[in-house]
């Protein structure tokens, strides 16, 4: 299966939405990780 076949099965809007979800998910995970790292340790 080539990239052209994959692109025909999934429309461009779905690829954009998937990319946004991946980016937002990673940013959210990094933010939560940052909160746990910076929080004062008791």
N, C-alpha and C. Protein backbone atom coordinates (compact mmCIF):
# COMPACT_ATOMS: atom_id res chain seq x y z
N UNK A 1 0.86 -1.20 0.00
CA UNK A 1 0.00 0.00 0.00
C UNK A 1 0.89 1.24 0.00
N UNK A 2 0.70 2.07 -0.98
CA UNK A 2 1.51 3.28 -1.08
C UNK A 2 0.83 4.45 -0.38
N UNK A 3 1.54 5.56 -0.26
CA UNK A 3 0.98 6.74 0.37
C UNK A 3 -0.23 7.27 -0.40
N UNK A 4 -0.20 7.11 -1.73
CA UNK A 4 -1.32 7.59 -2.56
C UNK A 4 -2.59 6.81 -2.24
N UNK A 5 -2.48 5.49 -2.05
CA UNK A 5 -3.66 4.68 -1.70
C UNK A 5 -4.22 5.11 -0.35
N UNK A 6 -3.36 5.38 0.60
CA UNK A 6 -3.79 5.76 1.93
C UNK A 6 -4.50 7.12 1.87
N UNK A 7 -3.97 8.03 1.06
CA UNK A 7 -4.55 9.36 0.97
C UNK A 7 -5.93 9.30 0.32
N UNK A 8 -6.15 8.37 -0.59
CA UNK A 8 -7.45 8.24 -1.23
C UNK A 8 -8.49 7.69 -0.26
N UNK A 9 -8.07 6.87 0.68
CA UNK A 9 -9.02 6.29 1.64
C UNK A 9 -9.42 7.30 2.71
N UNK A 10 -8.49 8.12 3.16
CA UNK A 10 -8.79 9.12 4.19
C UNK A 10 -8.71 10.52 3.58
N UNK A 11 -9.76 11.29 3.70
CA UNK A 11 -9.73 12.66 3.14
C UNK A 11 -8.73 13.55 3.88
N UNK A 12 -8.34 14.61 3.21
CA UNK A 12 -7.33 15.52 3.78
C UNK A 12 -7.80 16.11 5.11
N UNK A 13 -9.09 16.43 5.24
CA UNK A 13 -9.60 17.01 6.48
C UNK A 13 -9.37 16.07 7.66
N UNK A 14 -9.50 14.76 7.42
CA UNK A 14 -9.29 13.81 8.51
C UNK A 14 -7.82 13.76 8.92
N UNK A 15 -6.90 13.87 7.94
CA UNK A 15 -5.47 13.90 8.27
C UNK A 15 -5.14 15.13 9.10
N UNK A 16 -5.73 16.29 8.73
CA UNK A 16 -5.49 17.53 9.48
C UNK A 16 -6.02 17.39 10.90
N UNK A 17 -7.22 16.84 11.04
CA UNK A 17 -7.82 16.66 12.37
C UNK A 17 -6.98 15.69 13.21
N UNK A 18 -6.51 14.61 12.60
CA UNK A 18 -5.67 13.65 13.31
C UNK A 18 -4.37 14.31 13.78
N UNK A 19 -3.76 15.11 12.91
CA UNK A 19 -2.53 15.81 13.28
C UNK A 19 -2.77 16.76 14.44
N UNK A 20 -3.88 17.50 14.39
CA UNK A 20 -4.20 18.44 15.48
C UNK A 20 -4.42 17.69 16.79
N UNK A 21 -5.15 16.57 16.73
CA UNK A 21 -5.39 15.78 17.95
C UNK A 21 -4.07 15.27 18.53
N UNK A 22 -3.16 14.80 17.68
CA UNK A 22 -1.87 14.30 18.17
C UNK A 22 -1.07 15.43 18.82
N UNK A 23 -1.02 16.59 18.16
CA UNK A 23 -0.26 17.73 18.71
C UNK A 23 -0.87 18.19 20.03
N UNK A 24 -2.20 18.38 20.06
CA UNK A 24 -2.86 18.84 21.28
C UNK A 24 -2.69 17.81 22.40
N UNK A 25 -2.79 16.54 22.07
CA UNK A 25 -2.61 15.49 23.07
C UNK A 25 -1.22 15.52 23.68
N UNK A 26 -0.20 15.71 22.84
CA UNK A 26 1.16 15.75 23.35
C UNK A 26 1.42 17.01 24.18
N UNK A 27 0.85 18.13 23.74
CA UNK A 27 1.01 19.38 24.51
C UNK A 27 0.34 19.23 25.87
N UNK A 28 -0.85 18.66 25.90
CA UNK A 28 -1.55 18.46 27.17
C UNK A 28 -0.77 17.51 28.09
N UNK A 29 -0.25 16.43 27.52
CA UNK A 29 0.53 15.49 28.32
C UNK A 29 1.80 16.16 28.86
N UNK A 30 2.45 16.98 28.05
CA UNK A 30 3.66 17.68 28.49
C UNK A 30 3.33 18.68 29.60
N UNK A 31 2.18 19.34 29.49
CA UNK A 31 1.76 20.31 30.51
C UNK A 31 1.51 19.61 31.85
N UNK A 32 0.82 18.46 31.80
CA UNK A 32 0.55 17.71 33.03
C UNK A 32 1.87 17.21 33.64
N UNK A 33 2.77 16.71 32.79
CA UNK A 33 4.08 16.26 33.26
C UNK A 33 4.84 17.43 33.91
N UNK A 34 4.77 18.60 33.28
CA UNK A 34 5.43 19.79 33.81
C UNK A 34 4.86 20.16 35.18
N UNK A 35 3.53 20.07 35.34
CA UNK A 35 2.91 20.39 36.62
C UNK A 35 3.42 19.45 37.72
N UNK A 36 3.52 18.17 37.41
CA UNK A 36 4.00 17.22 38.41
C UNK A 36 5.48 17.41 38.73
N UNK A 37 6.28 17.83 37.76
CA UNK A 37 7.69 18.04 38.00
C UNK A 37 7.95 19.32 38.80
N UNK A 38 7.16 20.35 38.56
CA UNK A 38 7.39 21.65 39.19
C UNK A 38 6.72 21.73 40.56
N UNK A 39 5.67 20.95 40.77
CA UNK A 39 4.94 21.00 42.05
C UNK A 39 5.89 20.70 43.20
N UNK A 40 5.70 21.42 44.31
CA UNK A 40 6.58 21.16 45.46
C UNK A 40 6.39 19.73 45.97
N UNK A 41 7.53 19.09 46.19
CA UNK A 41 7.48 17.72 46.65
C UNK A 41 7.34 17.71 48.17
N UNK A 42 6.37 16.95 48.68
CA UNK A 42 6.12 16.93 50.13
C UNK A 42 6.63 15.64 50.74
